[in-house]
Each structure stands twice: as structure tokens, then as C-alpha cells.
Protein backbone atom coordinates (compact mmCIF):
# COMPACT_ATOMS: atom_id res chain seq x y z
CA MET A 1 105.35 -50.21 -22.95
CA LYS A 2 107.36 -47.08 -22.14
CA ARG A 3 110.48 -48.64 -23.63
CA LEU A 4 108.66 -49.34 -26.88
CA PHE A 5 107.58 -45.73 -27.38
CA PRO A 6 110.93 -44.35 -28.68
CA ILE A 7 111.29 -47.28 -31.05
CA LEU A 8 107.75 -46.87 -32.37
CA ALA A 9 108.29 -43.12 -32.70
CA VAL A 10 111.38 -43.62 -34.86
CA LEU A 11 109.65 -46.24 -37.01
CA THR A 12 106.63 -43.96 -37.44
CA ALA A 13 108.87 -41.05 -38.48
CA ILE A 14 110.53 -43.27 -41.08
CA PHE A 15 107.13 -44.46 -42.27
CA LEU A 16 105.86 -40.87 -42.59
CA ALA A 17 108.96 -39.89 -44.56
CA TYR A 18 108.47 -42.86 -46.88
CA ALA A 19 104.81 -41.96 -47.38
CA LEU A 20 105.80 -38.37 -48.14
CA HIS A 21 108.33 -39.61 -50.70
CA LEU A 22 105.66 -41.70 -52.42
CA ALA A 23 103.12 -38.87 -52.41
CA LEU A 24 105.46 -36.27 -53.91
CA GLY A 25 107.78 -38.53 -55.89
CA LYS A 26 107.76 -39.19 -59.61
CA ALA A 27 106.85 -42.83 -59.10
CA THR A 28 103.28 -41.75 -58.36
CA PRO A 29 101.48 -40.62 -61.54
CA THR A 30 100.20 -37.07 -61.91
CA ASP A 31 96.47 -36.53 -62.37
CA ALA A 32 95.66 -35.80 -66.01
CA GLN A 33 93.15 -33.02 -65.23
CA GLN A 34 94.38 -31.38 -62.02
CA GLY A 35 98.12 -31.84 -62.36
CA ASP A 36 100.40 -31.94 -59.34
CA VAL A 37 97.93 -30.05 -57.14
CA TYR A 38 96.05 -33.34 -56.97
CA ARG A 39 98.80 -34.72 -54.76
CA ILE A 40 97.32 -32.88 -51.80
CA ILE A 41 94.74 -35.68 -51.75
CA TYR A 42 97.36 -37.86 -50.05
CA TYR A 43 97.10 -35.61 -46.99
CA HIS A 44 93.58 -34.24 -47.22
CA VAL A 45 91.72 -37.55 -47.43
CA PRO A 46 93.83 -39.53 -44.90
CA SER A 47 93.45 -36.65 -42.44
CA ALA A 48 89.67 -36.79 -42.86
CA TRP A 49 89.54 -40.56 -42.41
CA THR A 50 91.74 -40.34 -39.31
CA ALA A 51 89.58 -37.58 -37.84
CA PHE A 52 86.44 -39.65 -38.46
CA LEU A 53 88.01 -42.64 -36.72
CA LEU A 54 89.11 -40.60 -33.71
CA PHE A 55 85.71 -38.95 -33.35
CA SER A 56 84.10 -42.39 -33.53
CA ILE A 57 86.39 -43.55 -30.71
CA ASN A 58 85.38 -40.44 -28.79
CA PHE A 59 81.73 -41.36 -29.37
CA VAL A 60 82.14 -44.88 -27.95
CA ALA A 61 84.25 -43.68 -25.02
CA SER A 62 81.76 -40.92 -24.19
CA ILE A 63 78.83 -43.34 -24.15
CA THR A 64 80.86 -45.70 -21.97
CA TYR A 65 81.57 -42.88 -19.54
CA LEU A 66 77.94 -41.79 -19.44
CA ILE A 67 76.83 -45.34 -18.63
CA ARG A 68 79.61 -46.65 -16.40
CA ARG A 69 81.36 -43.47 -15.17
CA LYS A 70 84.78 -44.98 -15.85
CA PRO A 71 87.60 -42.37 -15.63
CA LYS A 72 89.67 -44.24 -18.24
CA ALA A 73 86.82 -43.96 -20.73
CA ASP A 74 86.68 -40.22 -20.06
CA MET A 75 90.42 -39.92 -20.69
CA VAL A 76 90.14 -41.85 -23.96
CA ALA A 77 87.30 -39.56 -25.02
CA LEU A 78 89.33 -36.44 -24.22
CA VAL A 79 92.50 -37.63 -25.95
CA SER A 80 90.72 -38.84 -29.09
CA ALA A 81 88.87 -35.53 -29.37
CA GLU A 82 92.07 -33.50 -29.03
CA VAL A 83 93.93 -35.42 -31.72
CA GLY A 84 90.81 -35.63 -33.87
CA VAL A 85 90.50 -31.84 -33.87
CA VAL A 86 94.11 -31.58 -35.08
CA PHE A 87 93.42 -33.82 -38.07
CA CYS A 88 90.11 -32.10 -38.77
CA THR A 89 91.99 -28.79 -38.80
CA ILE A 90 94.35 -30.23 -41.42
CA VAL A 91 91.29 -31.13 -43.50
CA LEU A 92 89.91 -27.59 -43.28
CA VAL A 93 93.28 -26.10 -44.22
CA THR A 94 94.20 -28.41 -47.09
CA GLY A 95 90.67 -28.35 -48.53
CA PRO A 96 90.67 -24.67 -49.57
CA ILE A 97 94.28 -24.95 -50.77
CA TRP A 98 93.16 -27.74 -53.09
CA ALA A 99 89.92 -26.01 -54.05
CA ARG A 100 91.44 -22.70 -55.15
CA PRO A 101 93.21 -23.92 -58.32
CA VAL A 102 90.54 -26.54 -59.11
CA TRP A 103 87.26 -24.74 -58.35
CA GLY A 104 88.55 -21.19 -58.69
CA ILE A 105 87.43 -20.30 -55.14
CA TRP A 106 88.78 -20.98 -51.68
CA TRP A 107 85.42 -21.95 -50.22
CA ALA A 108 82.16 -22.97 -51.87
CA PRO A 109 79.33 -21.34 -49.88
CA GLY A 110 76.47 -23.73 -49.29
CA ASP A 111 78.49 -26.87 -50.03
CA ILE A 112 77.07 -29.39 -47.58
CA ARG A 113 80.30 -31.31 -47.08
CA LEU A 114 82.34 -28.19 -46.39
CA THR A 115 79.71 -26.78 -44.06
CA SER A 116 79.14 -30.01 -42.15
CA THR A 117 82.90 -30.48 -41.73
CA LEU A 118 83.22 -26.99 -40.31
CA VAL A 119 80.30 -27.67 -37.95
CA LEU A 120 81.98 -30.91 -36.86
CA TRP A 121 85.19 -29.02 -36.09
CA LEU A 122 83.30 -26.33 -34.15
CA ILE A 123 81.45 -28.93 -32.07
CA TYR A 124 84.63 -30.67 -30.97
CA VAL A 125 86.47 -27.40 -30.36
CA SER A 126 83.54 -26.46 -28.11
CA TYR A 127 83.91 -29.85 -26.44
CA LEU A 128 87.58 -29.15 -25.68
CA VAL A 129 86.83 -25.63 -24.45
CA LEU A 130 84.18 -27.05 -22.13
CA ARG A 131 86.63 -29.63 -20.81
CA ARG A 132 89.17 -26.91 -20.07
CA PHE A 133 86.55 -24.69 -18.43
CA SER A 134 86.09 -27.06 -15.52
CA THR A 135 87.28 -30.49 -14.39
CA SER A 136 84.21 -31.31 -12.33
CA ALA A 137 82.27 -34.52 -12.86
CA GLN A 138 79.25 -32.51 -13.98
CA THR A 139 81.30 -30.83 -16.72
CA GLN A 140 82.65 -34.19 -17.84
CA MET A 141 79.11 -35.51 -18.12
CA LEU A 142 77.98 -32.47 -20.10
CA ALA A 143 81.00 -32.74 -22.41
CA ALA A 144 80.32 -36.44 -22.98
CA ALA A 145 76.74 -35.63 -23.98
CA LEU A 146 78.01 -32.96 -26.38
CA ALA A 147 80.45 -35.47 -27.90
CA VAL A 148 77.66 -37.98 -28.50
CA PHE A 149 75.66 -35.26 -30.24
CA GLY A 150 78.68 -34.14 -32.27
CA ALA A 151 79.44 -37.65 -33.48
CA LEU A 152 76.13 -37.65 -35.33
CA ASP A 153 77.68 -35.17 -37.75
CA VAL A 154 80.39 -37.66 -38.81
CA PRO A 155 78.11 -39.79 -41.04
CA LEU A 156 76.55 -36.60 -42.41
CA VAL A 157 79.98 -35.40 -43.55
CA TYR A 158 80.88 -38.74 -45.08
CA PHE A 159 77.59 -39.52 -46.85
CA SER A 160 76.69 -35.95 -47.82
CA ILE A 161 77.92 -36.34 -51.40
CA TRP A 162 75.44 -39.18 -51.96
CA PHE A 163 72.38 -37.22 -50.86
CA PHE A 164 73.23 -33.59 -51.68
CA ARG A 165 74.69 -31.66 -54.57
CA THR A 166 78.28 -30.80 -53.76
CA GLN A 167 81.48 -29.69 -55.42
CA HIS A 168 83.30 -32.73 -54.07
CA PRO A 169 84.00 -35.72 -56.32
CA GLN A 170 82.77 -39.22 -55.63
CA PRO A 171 84.45 -41.09 -52.75
CA VAL A 172 87.75 -42.77 -53.46
CA ILE A 173 86.50 -46.09 -52.07
CA GLY A 174 82.99 -47.37 -52.66
CA GLY A 175 81.76 -44.33 -54.53
CA GLY A 176 82.13 -45.45 -58.11
CA GLY A 177 84.92 -42.98 -58.77
CA SER A 178 87.86 -43.99 -60.92
CA MET A 179 91.33 -43.76 -59.40
CA ASP A 180 94.60 -45.12 -60.65
CA PRO A 181 95.51 -48.19 -58.56
CA ARG A 182 98.98 -46.73 -57.97
CA MET A 183 97.43 -43.57 -56.56
CA LEU A 184 95.10 -45.58 -54.35
CA HIS A 185 98.06 -47.60 -53.10
CA VAL A 186 99.94 -44.43 -52.10
CA LEU A 187 96.79 -42.99 -50.54
CA LEU A 188 96.33 -46.03 -48.31
CA ILE A 189 100.00 -46.03 -47.32
CA ASN A 190 99.71 -42.39 -46.27
CA TRP A 191 96.59 -43.18 -44.27
CA LEU A 192 98.36 -46.01 -42.48
CA ALA A 193 101.25 -43.66 -41.68
CA PHE A 194 98.79 -41.09 -40.33
CA LEU A 195 97.14 -43.76 -38.19
CA CYS A 196 100.49 -44.76 -36.70
CA PHE A 197 101.26 -41.13 -35.93
CA ALA A 198 97.81 -40.58 -34.41
CA PHE A 199 98.21 -43.68 -32.25
CA LEU A 200 101.55 -42.46 -30.89
CA VAL A 201 100.20 -39.00 -30.13
CA CYS A 202 97.11 -40.44 -28.43
CA TRP A 203 99.25 -42.85 -26.42
CA SER A 204 101.58 -40.08 -25.27
CA ARG A 205 98.70 -37.74 -24.49
CA TYR A 206 96.87 -40.47 -22.53
CA ARG A 207 99.93 -41.06 -20.36
CA LEU A 208 100.24 -37.33 -19.70
CA GLU A 209 96.56 -37.06 -18.81
CA LEU A 210 96.83 -40.04 -16.47
CA LEU A 211 99.86 -38.49 -14.76
CA HIS A 212 98.08 -35.13 -14.53
CA ARG A 213 95.08 -36.68 -12.82
CA GLU A 214 97.25 -38.65 -10.43
CA VAL A 215 99.07 -35.45 -9.43
CA GLU A 216 95.77 -33.60 -8.98
CA GLU A 217 94.42 -36.43 -6.84
CA ALA A 218 97.56 -36.41 -4.71
CA HIS A 219 97.29 -32.65 -4.21
CA ALA A 220 93.63 -32.99 -3.28
CA MET A 221 94.40 -35.69 -0.71
CA LYS A 222 97.22 -33.60 0.74
CA SER A 223 94.93 -30.58 0.96
CA LEU A 224 92.28 -32.61 2.79
CA GLU A 225 94.85 -33.94 5.23
CA SER A 226 96.14 -30.45 5.97
CA ARG A 227 92.62 -29.20 6.68
CA ALA A 228 91.72 -32.12 8.95
CA PRO A 229 91.86 -31.23 12.66
CA ALA A 230 94.89 -32.59 14.42
CA LYS A 231 94.21 -35.40 16.84
CA THR A 232 95.08 -34.56 20.44
CA SER A 233 95.65 -37.18 23.07
CA LEU A 234 93.81 -36.52 26.33
CA PRO A 235 95.65 -37.27 29.58
CA LEU A 236 94.43 -40.29 31.44
CA ASN A 237 92.53 -39.56 34.62
CA ARG A 238 94.39 -41.47 37.27
CA GLY A 239 92.12 -40.33 40.08
CA PRO A 240 93.19 -38.77 43.35
CA GLN A 241 96.72 -39.48 44.51
């Protein structure tokens, strides 16, 4: 698998460049109402979908760790949360950039989707801070419980526009909104490119975390061995000569 990583990394870089070309190129039509600023959707929406997927993986891995105490599940939960926070940060950055020319404001106070997305980001940042605070099993358990709680916000973010008044338009897929098929095609290609990139980052980060834990375990074993009392051999009692 290690030999495949450089090849997959190069292919992913090419795929990302191709997706960028489609998103910004003239082959993709410009939105009639928003103009070229609409092209930020090809990064904003795929980033959100990728973050949702990674947080869902974190949710499953955290439950698995809480039930079975498997270290690999804990590592998957940690890695998916780290990469998920990166993509969620992209969402929170590109959102206001898109909103300013369209809505006239950077942030719409009280917008349920914006607020719930920010809360989601804060929960998982808190999760990562907690994980860095301590590496004890008790901290891992507490972080897993926090992750399970935080994952409940994911469906709230996604379905908020169905149940609450919000500045956001209808969903691209399954929401009744109209989108040019060519735009949808480019959007899905960008999402697939983001997924490939996220997979590579998660894979690399998982290997680093595994190596880190192996080194820590080796240091712990060496420390225990150094503290253990040295065994001394007692002379045999041969009796009187």
C-alpha cells in the first residue's frame, strides 16, 4: 500500500487540477443571476458534503470505540475529525465570501444553517483540543462521547433549510432546485476530487498516528524496563567445606 501512495497522490493532484479547470473554465456556464461569483459553489458545497461524510465516519468510529474499545476505531475517529474540521473550515470561509456580493452581508445573523454549521465546527474543534489535552483512555472515552453528541448536528445542518427560514437556496440534489446539468456535472466532479484528496490525507494521517502510538508504546515499555529492579543471582550455599 505504501508504494501506491505516491501514484495515487499524483493522480489526485491531476484530478484536482482538472476539476479546477472545469469549475473556472469557460466550458461551464455562468449563472444568469449571480454571475461568476456563483462558481464558488464548486468548492463550498463539495467541502460541506465531504465534511459531513467525515463527521459521519467519526460518529461510527466513536461508537465502535465506546462499545469495543478498539484502538484502530479511535484512530479512525481522530483522523476523520481532523480532516473534517479542515473541510468545515473551508465551508465557513467560502460561505461569507459567496454571501457578501449575493446577500450584501458577510454573515446573516440568526440564519439556522450558518449558526448550526458554526456550532458543528466548534464541537469538533473542541473534540480535537480535548484529544490533544491528554492521551489517556479516559480522555479518549470522553472525546468519543463528545463526537457522538456532535454528530447529531450534521443532520440539523443539512435539513435546516426544509424546516426553518434561511437565506440559503434549496439543495442542489433532492431539494427541488433547478441547476443546469452541466453545472451539476462539474459540481459532482469537484466533489469526487475532494473525496480523493480527503482519502489520501486521512490515509497519510492514519499511518502517522499509528507510527506515533507505536513509538509511544515502545518508549513506555522501555521506561518500565528501566524502572524494574535488576535481578541479582544469589550464591549457592554449598555448606561447610
